[in-house]
Amino acid sequence: MQRRRNRHGRGLRGEVMLPTHPGYRTRSDRFDDMVLDSAQRLHDIWGKTLDGVRFGVDEIPPDLELLAASSAPVPMGPTPPPPMRMDR
């Protein structure tokens, strides 16, 4: 846990909720929740149109900034082809 500087003589500042508490959520966890909420909202709006769509969040590769700076192709998440439809 990172401590912030001592402003105005009030002592070192830390997190409001410690990681050991049940309500603690990391930024990554909160982002995952936002993606799930957005996916649910889209599904509520579009209904059956999005039945075959899967939403997911991948971790960022650790060397992504180096790859982008060197103009190398940046790895993206997998995008499998859609399944063949037999009704056409």
Foldseek 3Di string as FASTA:
>chain_A
DDWDDQPPNPDIDDDPDDPVDPPDDDPVRVVQVVQVVVVVVVCVVPPPVCPPPDDDDDDAPPCQVVCVVVVHDGDDDDDDDDDDDPPD
